[in-house]
Amino acid sequence: MIVAFESIKRAGEILKEIEALQAELAGLFSSKGSTAAAAAPKRRGRPPGSGVGKRRKMSAEGRARIAAAAKARWAKFHADKAKSGKK
């Protein structure tokens, strides 16, 4: 597909118009003026850097409970498999 230079040029102009309109729209709803940064939505979740290097620790008892539950699931799976006669 060959695209004419005029089409590419017009597409660039349209993109510039869209950006200008978006900036104007953002300025209408921001309380601090017409800067795009002021109109940016508030970040959700944990603030950056708040959990760096911090890992949750699990107790040995908690690990043992998880291991026991996993072994019980596998034992039930294999028992059901043996009952049905499938390999």
PDB file of N, CA and C in Angstrom:
ATOM      1  N   MET A   1       0.849  -1.172   0.000  1.00  0.00           N
ATOM      2  CA  MET A   1       0.000   0.000   0.000  1.00  0.00           C
ATOM      3  C   MET A   1       0.896   1.235   0.000  1.00  0.00           C
ATOM      4  N   ILE A   2       0.711   2.078  -0.958  1.00  0.00           N
ATOM      5  CA  ILE A   2       1.481   3.309  -1.078  1.00  0.00           C
ATOM      6  C   ILE A   2       0.639   4.457  -0.538  1.00  0.00           C
ATOM      7  N   VAL A   3       1.239   5.212   0.381  1.00  0.00           N
ATOM      8  CA  VAL A   3       0.541   6.335   0.991  1.00  0.00           C
ATOM      9  C   VAL A   3       1.164   7.613   0.459  1.00  0.00           C
ATOM     10  N   ALA A   4       0.307   8.526   0.043  1.00  0.00           N
ATOM     11  CA  ALA A   4       0.783   9.788  -0.508  1.00  0.00           C
ATOM     12  C   ALA A   4       1.339  10.671   0.614  1.00  0.00           C
ATOM     13  N   PHE A   5       2.326  11.458   0.260  1.00  0.00           N
ATOM     14  CA  PHE A   5       2.957  12.358   1.216  1.00  0.00           C
ATOM     15  C   PHE A   5       1.929  13.317   1.810  1.00  0.00           C
ATOM     16  N   GLU A   6       0.990  13.752   1.010  1.00  0.00           N
ATOM     17  CA  GLU A   6      -0.038  14.685   1.487  1.00  0.00           C
ATOM     18  C   GLU A   6      -0.884  14.035   2.587  1.00  0.00           C
ATOM     19  N   SER A   7      -1.152  12.743   2.441  1.00  0.00           N
ATOM     20  CA  SER A   7      -1.954  12.046   3.453  1.00  0.00           C
ATOM     21  C   SER A   7      -1.199  11.975   4.771  1.00  0.00           C
ATOM     22  N   ILE A   8       0.084  11.696   4.708  1.00  0.00           N
ATOM     23  CA  ILE A   8       0.893  11.620   5.919  1.00  0.00           C
ATOM     24  C   ILE A   8       0.977  12.994   6.579  1.00  0.00           C
ATOM     25  N   LYS A   9       1.157  14.022   5.768  1.00  0.00           N
ATOM     26  CA  LYS A   9       1.238  15.382   6.288  1.00  0.00           C
ATOM     27  C   LYS A   9      -0.068  15.769   6.973  1.00  0.00           C
ATOM     28  N   ARG A  10      -1.199  15.428   6.342  1.00  0.00           N
ATOM     29  CA  ARG A  10      -2.519  15.751   6.916  1.00  0.00           C
ATOM     30  C   ARG A  10      -2.737  14.981   8.213  1.00  0.00           C
ATOM     31  N   ALA A  11      -2.276  13.733   8.267  1.00  0.00           N
ATOM     32  CA  ALA A  11      -2.421  12.940   9.490  1.00  0.00           C
ATOM     33  C   ALA A  11      -1.651  13.597  10.632  1.00  0.00           C
ATOM     34  N   GLY A  12      -0.456  14.121  10.349  1.00  0.00           N
ATOM     35  CA  GLY A  12       0.320  14.829  11.368  1.00  0.00           C
ATOM     36  C   GLY A  12      -0.395  16.069  11.861  1.00  0.00           C
ATOM     37  N   GLU A  13      -1.016  16.800  10.941  1.00  0.00           N
ATOM     38  CA  GLU A  13      -1.760  17.999  11.329  1.00  0.00           C
ATOM     39  C   GLU A  13      -2.946  17.647  12.223  1.00  0.00           C
ATOM     40  N   ILE A  14      -3.640  16.564  11.869  1.00  0.00           N
ATOM     41  CA  ILE A  14      -4.789  16.135  12.670  1.00  0.00           C
ATOM     42  C   ILE A  14      -4.340  15.748  14.074  1.00  0.00           C
ATOM     43  N   LEU A  15      -3.211  15.042  14.169  1.00  0.00           N
ATOM     44  CA  LEU A  15      -2.697  14.658  15.488  1.00  0.00           C
ATOM     45  C   LEU A  15      -2.356  15.875  16.329  1.00  0.00           C
ATOM     46  N   LYS A  16      -1.781  16.892  15.715  1.00  0.00           N
ATOM     47  CA  LYS A  16      -1.457  18.119  16.455  1.00  0.00           C
ATOM     48  C   LYS A  16      -2.724  18.805  16.949  1.00  0.00           C
ATOM     49  N   GLU A  17      -3.765  18.812  16.114  1.00  0.00           N
ATOM     50  CA  GLU A  17      -5.038  19.409  16.518  1.00  0.00           C
ATOM     51  C   GLU A  17      -5.644  18.643  17.691  1.00  0.00           C
ATOM     52  N   ILE A  18      -5.570  17.320  17.624  1.00  0.00           N
ATOM     53  CA  ILE A  18      -6.114  16.496  18.706  1.00  0.00           C
ATOM     54  C   ILE A  18      -5.378  16.789  20.003  1.00  0.00           C
ATOM     55  N   GLU A  19      -4.050  16.859  19.965  1.00  0.00           N
ATOM     56  CA  GLU A  19      -3.271  17.144  21.163  1.00  0.00           C
ATOM     57  C   GLU A  19      -3.618  18.509  21.737  1.00  0.00           C
ATOM     58  N   ALA A  20      -3.805  19.504  20.862  1.00  0.00           N
ATOM     59  CA  ALA A  20      -4.158  20.843  21.330  1.00  0.00           C
ATOM     60  C   ALA A  20      -5.528  20.834  21.998  1.00  0.00           C
ATOM     61  N   LEU A  21      -6.474  20.108  21.407  1.00  0.00           N
ATOM     62  CA  LEU A  21      -7.815  20.033  21.986  1.00  0.00           C
ATOM     63  C   LEU A  21      -7.804  19.286  23.315  1.00  0.00           C
ATOM     64  N   GLN A  22      -7.010  18.234  23.409  1.00  0.00           N
ATOM     65  CA  GLN A  22      -6.918  17.499  24.669  1.00  0.00           C
ATOM     66  C   GLN A  22      -6.324  18.374  25.763  1.00  0.00           C
ATOM     67  N   ALA A  23      -5.312  19.163  25.428  1.00  0.00           N
ATOM     68  CA  ALA A  23      -4.711  20.065  26.410  1.00  0.00           C
ATOM     69  C   ALA A  23      -5.723  21.115  26.857  1.00  0.00           C
ATOM     70  N   GLU A  24      -6.496  21.615  25.916  1.00  0.00           N
ATOM     71  CA  GLU A  24      -7.509  22.609  26.258  1.00  0.00           C
ATOM     72  C   GLU A  24      -8.579  21.995  27.149  1.00  0.00           C
ATOM     73  N   LEU A  25      -9.002  20.788  26.834  1.00  0.00           N
ATOM     74  CA  LEU A  25     -10.005  20.101  27.633  1.00  0.00           C
ATOM     75  C   LEU A  25      -9.483  19.836  29.042  1.00  0.00           C
ATOM     76  N   ALA A  26      -8.240  19.425  29.147  1.00  0.00           N
ATOM     77  CA  ALA A  26      -7.643  19.188  30.458  1.00  0.00           C
ATOM     78  C   ALA A  26      -7.599  20.484  31.259  1.00  0.00           C
ATOM     79  N   GLY A  27      -7.326  21.589  30.598  1.00  0.00           N
ATOM     80  CA  GLY A  27      -7.273  22.882  31.272  1.00  0.00           C
ATOM     81  C   GLY A  27      -8.624  23.321  31.805  1.00  0.00           C
ATOM     82  N   LEU A  28      -9.687  22.916  31.137  1.00  0.00           N
ATOM     83  CA  LEU A  28     -11.020  23.306  31.582  1.00  0.00           C
ATOM     84  C   LEU A  28     -11.374  22.680  32.926  1.00  0.00           C
ATOM     85  N   PHE A  29     -10.888  21.484  33.176  1.00  0.00           N
ATOM     86  CA  PHE A  29     -11.279  20.759  34.377  1.00  0.00           C
ATOM     87  C   PHE A  29     -10.226  20.749  35.471  1.00  0.00           C
ATOM     88  N   SER A  30      -9.083  21.351  35.238  1.00  0.00           N
ATOM     89  CA  SER A  30      -8.076  21.384  36.291  1.00  0.00           C
ATOM     90  C   SER A  30      -8.240  22.658  37.104  1.00  0.00           C
ATOM     91  N   SER A  31      -7.926  22.560  38.379  1.00  0.00           N
ATOM     92  CA  SER A  31      -8.086  23.728  39.253  1.00  0.00           C
ATOM     93  C   SER A  31      -6.839  24.595  39.289  1.00  0.00           C
ATOM     94  N   LYS A  32      -5.717  24.086  38.762  1.00  0.00           N
ATOM     95  CA  LYS A  32      -4.453  24.816  38.854  1.00  0.00           C
ATOM     96  C   LYS A  32      -4.058  25.488  37.546  1.00  0.00           C
ATOM     97  N   GLY A  33      -4.903  25.480  36.570  1.00  0.00           N
ATOM     98  CA  GLY A  33      -4.545  26.102  35.304  1.00  0.00           C
ATOM     99  C   GLY A  33      -4.653  25.120  34.163  1.00  0.00           C
ATOM    100  N   SER A  34      -3.923  25.389  33.106  1.00  0.00           N
ATOM    101  CA  SER A  34      -4.092  24.586  31.905  1.00  0.00           C
ATOM    102  C   SER A  34      -2.933  23.629  31.650  1.00  0.00           C
ATOM    103  N   THR A  35      -2.185  23.297  32.679  1.00  0.00           N
ATOM    104  CA  THR A  35      -1.081  22.371  32.452  1.00  0.00           C
ATOM    105  C   THR A  35      -1.605  20.950  32.392  1.00  0.00           C
ATOM    106  N   ALA A  36      -1.028  20.170  31.534  1.00  0.00           N
ATOM    107  CA  ALA A  36      -1.469  18.788  31.370  1.00  0.00           C
ATOM    108  C   ALA A  36      -1.105  17.964  32.596  1.00  0.00           C
ATOM    109  N   ALA A  37      -0.012  18.303  33.278  1.00  0.00           N
ATOM    110  CA  ALA A  37       0.407  17.547  34.450  1.00  0.00           C
ATOM    111  C   ALA A  37      -0.599  17.700  35.582  1.00  0.00           C
ATOM    112  N   ALA A  38      -1.188  18.881  35.698  1.00  0.00           N
ATOM    113  CA  ALA A  38      -2.159  19.112  36.758  1.00  0.00           C
ATOM    114  C   ALA A  38      -3.432  18.321  36.504  1.00  0.00           C
ATOM    115  N   ALA A  39      -3.732  18.019  35.253  1.00  0.00           N
ATOM    116  CA  ALA A  39      -4.952  17.316  34.918  1.00  0.00           C
ATOM    117  C   ALA A  39      -4.760  15.808  34.909  1.00  0.00           C
ATOM    118  N   ALA A  40      -3.543  15.338  35.151  1.00  0.00           N
ATOM    119  CA  ALA A  40      -3.288  13.901  35.138  1.00  0.00           C
ATOM    120  C   ALA A  40      -4.049  13.238  36.272  1.00  0.00           C
ATOM    121  N   PRO A  41      -4.581  12.040  36.042  1.00  0.00           N
ATOM    122  CA  PRO A  41      -5.340  11.370  37.089  1.00  0.00           C
ATOM    123  C   PRO A  41      -4.433  10.955  38.244  1.00  0.00           C
ATOM    124  N   LYS A  42      -5.017  10.882  39.415  1.00  0.00           N
ATOM    125  CA  LYS A  42      -4.255  10.495  40.604  1.00  0.00           C
ATOM    126  C   LYS A  42      -3.872   9.025  40.492  1.00  0.00           C
ATOM    127  N   ARG A  43      -2.643   8.718  40.882  1.00  0.00           N
ATOM    128  CA  ARG A  43      -2.183   7.327  40.839  1.00  0.00           C
ATOM    129  C   ARG A  43      -2.919   6.516  41.884  1.00  0.00           C
ATOM    130  N   ARG A  44      -3.166   5.264  41.547  1.00  0.00           N
ATOM    131  CA  ARG A  44      -3.808   4.370  42.491  1.00  0.00           C
ATOM    132  C   ARG A  44      -2.774   3.396  43.031  1.00  0.00           C
ATOM    133  N   GLY A  45      -3.034   2.862  44.194  1.00  0.00           N
ATOM    134  CA  GLY A  45      -2.145   1.862  44.758  1.00  0.00           C
ATOM    135  C   GLY A  45      -1.087   2.452  45.662  1.00  0.00           C
ATOM    136  N   ARG A  46      -0.101   1.627  45.920  1.00  0.00           N
ATOM    137  CA  ARG A  46       0.985   1.999  46.816  1.00  0.00           C
ATOM    138  C   ARG A  46       1.865   3.074  46.196  1.00  0.00           C
ATOM    139  N   PRO A  47       2.331   4.039  46.981  1.00  0.00           N
ATOM    140  CA  PRO A  47       3.229   5.041  46.422  1.00  0.00           C
ATOM    141  C   PRO A  47       4.554   4.407  45.988  1.00  0.00           C
ATOM    142  N   PRO A  48       5.168   4.926  44.947  1.00  0.00           N
ATOM    143  CA  PRO A  48       6.418   4.342  44.469  1.00  0.00           C
ATOM    144  C   PRO A  48       7.487   4.350  45.550  1.00  0.00           C
ATOM    145  N   GLY A  49       8.213   3.260  45.659  1.00  0.00           N
ATOM    146  CA  GLY A  49       9.311   3.173  46.600  1.00  0.00           C
ATOM    147  C   GLY A  49       8.911   2.824  48.015  1.00  0.00           C
ATOM    148  N   SER A  50       7.614   2.647  48.274  1.00  0.00           N
ATOM    149  CA  SER A  50       7.211   2.387  49.653  1.00  0.00           C
ATOM    150  C   SER A  50       7.529   0.965  50.092  1.00  0.00           C
ATOM    151  N   GLY A  51       7.656   0.030  49.152  1.00  0.00           N
ATOM    152  CA  GLY A  51       7.883  -1.345  49.547  1.00  0.00           C
ATOM    153  C   GLY A  51       9.209  -1.894  49.073  1.00  0.00           C
ATOM    154  N   VAL A  52      10.110  -1.035  48.683  1.00  0.00           N
ATOM    155  CA  VAL A  52      11.379  -1.500  48.145  1.00  0.00           C
ATOM    156  C   VAL A  52      12.186  -2.176  49.235  1.00  0.00           C
ATOM    157  N   GLY A  53      12.573  -3.412  48.995  1.00  0.00           N
ATOM    158  CA  GLY A  53      13.412  -4.132  49.934  1.00  0.00           C
ATOM    159  C   GLY A  53      12.659  -4.755  51.092  1.00  0.00           C
ATOM    160  N   LYS A  54      11.370  -4.555  51.168  1.00  0.00           N
ATOM    161  CA  LYS A  54      10.593  -5.110  52.264  1.00  0.00           C
ATOM    162  C   LYS A  54       9.855  -6.341  51.756  1.00  0.00           C
ATOM    163  N   ARG A  55      10.128  -7.483  52.375  1.00  0.00           N
ATOM    164  CA  ARG A  55       9.450  -8.704  51.995  1.00  0.00           C
ATOM    165  C   ARG A  55       8.655  -9.210  53.182  1.00  0.00           C
ATOM    166  N   ARG A  56       7.501  -9.763  52.886  1.00  0.00           N
ATOM    167  CA  ARG A  56       6.715 -10.344  53.963  1.00  0.00           C
ATOM    168  C   ARG A  56       7.335 -11.664  54.365  1.00  0.00           C
ATOM    169  N   LYS A  57       7.273 -11.951  55.623  1.00  0.00           N
ATOM    170  CA  LYS A  57       7.866 -13.179  56.129  1.00  0.00           C
ATOM    171  C   LYS A  57       6.744 -14.130  56.540  1.00  0.00           C
ATOM    172  N   MET A  58       6.924 -15.399  56.203  1.00  0.00           N
ATOM    173  CA  MET A  58       5.949 -16.401  56.586  1.00  0.00           C
ATOM    174  C   MET A  58       6.561 -17.269  57.683  1.00  0.00           C
ATOM    175  N   SER A  59       5.760 -17.584  58.663  1.00  0.00           N
ATOM    176  CA  SER A  59       6.268 -18.402  59.757  1.00  0.00           C
ATOM    177  C   SER A  59       6.439 -19.846  59.289  1.00  0.00           C
ATOM    178  N   ALA A  60       7.234 -20.588  60.016  1.00  0.00           N
ATOM    179  CA  ALA A  60       7.441 -22.005  59.713  1.00  0.00           C
ATOM    180  C   ALA A  60       6.123 -22.754  59.838  1.00  0.00           C
ATOM    181  N   GLU A  61       5.298 -22.355  60.793  1.00  0.00           N
ATOM    182  CA  GLU A  61       3.994 -22.988  60.977  1.00  0.00           C
ATOM    183  C   GLU A  61       3.105 -22.757  59.748  1.00  0.00           C
ATOM    184  N   GLY A  62       3.137 -21.551  59.218  1.00  0.00           N
ATOM    185  CA  GLY A  62       2.344 -21.241  58.026  1.00  0.00           C
ATOM    186  C   GLY A  62       2.805 -22.043  56.822  1.00  0.00           C
ATOM    187  N   ARG A  63       4.116 -22.159  56.649  1.00  0.00           N
ATOM    188  CA  ARG A  63       4.648 -22.971  55.541  1.00  0.00           C
ATOM    189  C   ARG A  63       4.244 -24.425  55.694  1.00  0.00           C
ATOM    190  N   ALA A  64       4.281 -24.930  56.933  1.00  0.00           N
ATOM    191  CA  ALA A  64       3.913 -26.320  57.197  1.00  0.00           C
ATOM    192  C   ALA A  64       2.442 -26.559  56.872  1.00  0.00           C
ATOM    193  N   ARG A  65       1.574 -25.607  57.225  1.00  0.00           N
ATOM    194  CA  ARG A  65       0.142 -25.751  56.910  1.00  0.00           C
ATOM    195  C   ARG A  65      -0.083 -25.803  55.410  1.00  0.00           C
ATOM    196  N   ILE A  66       0.611 -24.930  54.668  1.00  0.00           N
ATOM    197  CA  ILE A  66       0.467 -24.907  53.210  1.00  0.00           C
ATOM    198  C   ILE A  66       0.962 -26.211  52.613  1.00  0.00           C
ATOM    199  N   ALA A  67       2.096 -26.716  53.087  1.00  0.00           N
ATOM    200  CA  ALA A  67       2.644 -27.972  52.579  1.00  0.00           C
ATOM    201  C   ALA A  67       1.695 -29.126  52.868  1.00  0.00           C
ATOM    202  N   ALA A  68       1.132 -29.164  54.077  1.00  0.00           N
ATOM    203  CA  ALA A  68       0.202 -30.235  54.435  1.00  0.00           C
ATOM    204  C   ALA A  68      -1.044 -30.192  53.561  1.00  0.00           C
ATOM    205  N   ALA A  69      -1.552 -28.994  53.287  1.00  0.00           N
ATOM    206  CA  ALA A  69      -2.738 -28.868  52.440  1.00  0.00           C
ATOM    207  C   ALA A  69      -2.438 -29.328  51.016  1.00  0.00           C
ATOM    208  N   ALA A  70      -1.248 -28.993  50.506  1.00  0.00           N
ATOM    209  CA  ALA A  70      -0.875 -29.414  49.152  1.00  0.00           C
ATOM    210  C   ALA A  70      -0.747 -30.934  49.087  1.00  0.00           C
ATOM    211  N   LYS A  71      -0.136 -31.528  50.101  1.00  0.00           N
ATOM    212  CA  LYS A  71      -0.003 -32.998  50.131  1.00  0.00           C
ATOM    213  C   LYS A  71      -1.370 -33.656  50.193  1.00  0.00           C
ATOM    214  N   ALA A  72      -2.287 -33.076  50.973  1.00  0.00           N
ATOM    215  CA  ALA A  72      -3.641 -33.631  51.069  1.00  0.00           C
ATOM    216  C   ALA A  72      -4.366 -33.536  49.725  1.00  0.00           C
ATOM    217  N   ARG A  73      -4.189 -32.421  49.013  1.00  0.00           N
ATOM    218  CA  ARG A  73      -4.825 -32.283  47.686  1.00  0.00           C
ATOM    219  C   ARG A  73      -4.311 -33.347  46.735  1.00  0.00           C
ATOM    220  N   TRP A  74      -2.986 -33.541  46.718  1.00  0.00           N
ATOM    221  CA  TRP A  74      -2.403 -34.538  45.815  1.00  0.00           C
ATOM    222  C   TRP A  74      -2.845 -35.954  46.208  1.00  0.00           C
ATOM    223  N   ALA A  75      -2.914 -36.235  47.503  1.00  0.00           N
ATOM    224  CA  ALA A  75      -3.352 -37.558  47.946  1.00  0.00           C
ATOM    225  C   ALA A  75      -4.791 -37.812  47.502  1.00  0.00           C
ATOM    226  N   LYS A  76      -5.648 -36.820  47.638  1.00  0.00           N
ATOM    227  CA  LYS A  76      -7.043 -36.956  47.202  1.00  0.00           C
ATOM    228  C   LYS A  76      -7.110 -37.145  45.696  1.00  0.00           C
ATOM    229  N   PHE A  77      -6.319 -36.399  44.965  1.00  0.00           N
ATOM    230  CA  PHE A  77      -6.301 -36.512  43.505  1.00  0.00           C
ATOM    231  C   PHE A  77      -5.898 -37.922  43.090  1.00  0.00           C
ATOM    232  N   HIS A  78      -4.824 -38.439  43.687  1.00  0.00           N
ATOM    233  CA  HIS A  78      -4.342 -39.763  43.322  1.00  0.00           C
ATOM    234  C   HIS A  78      -5.317 -40.851  43.775  1.00  0.00           C
ATOM    235  N   ALA A  79      -5.989 -40.653  44.925  1.00  0.00           N
ATOM    236  CA  ALA A  79      -6.968 -41.635  45.380  1.00  0.00           C
ATOM    237  C   ALA A  79      -8.161 -41.671  44.430  1.00  0.00           C
ATOM    238  N   ASP A  80      -8.642 -40.508  43.994  1.00  0.00           N
ATOM    239  CA  ASP A  80      -9.755 -40.452  43.054  1.00  0.00           C
ATOM    240  C   ASP A  80      -9.359 -41.075  41.721  1.00  0.00           C
ATOM    241  N   LYS A  81      -8.136 -40.845  41.315  1.00  0.00           N
ATOM    242  CA  LYS A  81      -7.631 -41.392  40.048  1.00  0.00           C
ATOM    243  C   LYS A  81      -7.553 -42.919  40.122  1.00  0.00           C
ATOM    244  N   ALA A  82      -7.122 -43.461  41.289  1.00  0.00           N
ATOM    245  CA  ALA A  82      -7.019 -44.909  41.457  1.00  0.00           C
ATOM    246  C   ALA A  82      -8.417 -45.544  41.490  1.00  0.00           C
ATOM    247  N   LYS A  83      -9.395 -44.842  42.091  1.00  0.00           N
ATOM    248  CA  LYS A  83     -10.777 -45.349  42.151  1.00  0.00           C
ATOM    249  C   LYS A  83     -11.374 -45.491  40.767  1.00  0.00           C
ATOM    250  N   SER A  84     -11.116 -44.500  39.915  1.00  0.00           N
ATOM    251  CA  SER A  84     -11.723 -44.509  38.577  1.00  0.00           C
ATOM    252  C   SER A  84     -10.990 -45.447  37.640  1.00  0.00           C
ATOM    253  N   GLY A  85      -9.812 -45.922  38.023  1.00  0.00           N
ATOM    254  CA  GLY A  85      -9.079 -46.871  37.223  1.00  0.00           C
ATOM    255  C   GLY A  85      -8.258 -46.258  36.105  1.00  0.00           C
ATOM    256  N   LYS A  86      -8.147 -44.958  36.091  1.00  0.00           N
ATOM    257  CA  LYS A  86      -7.358 -44.278  35.054  1.00  0.00           C
ATOM    258  C   LYS A  86      -5.909 -44.192  35.495  1.00  0.00           C
ATOM    259  N   LYS A  87      -5.013 -44.172  34.524  1.00  0.00           N
ATOM    260  CA  LYS A  87      -3.592 -44.031  34.831  1.00  0.00           C
ATOM    261  C   LYS A  87      -3.103 -42.664  34.476  1.00  0.00           C
TER     262      LYS A  87
END
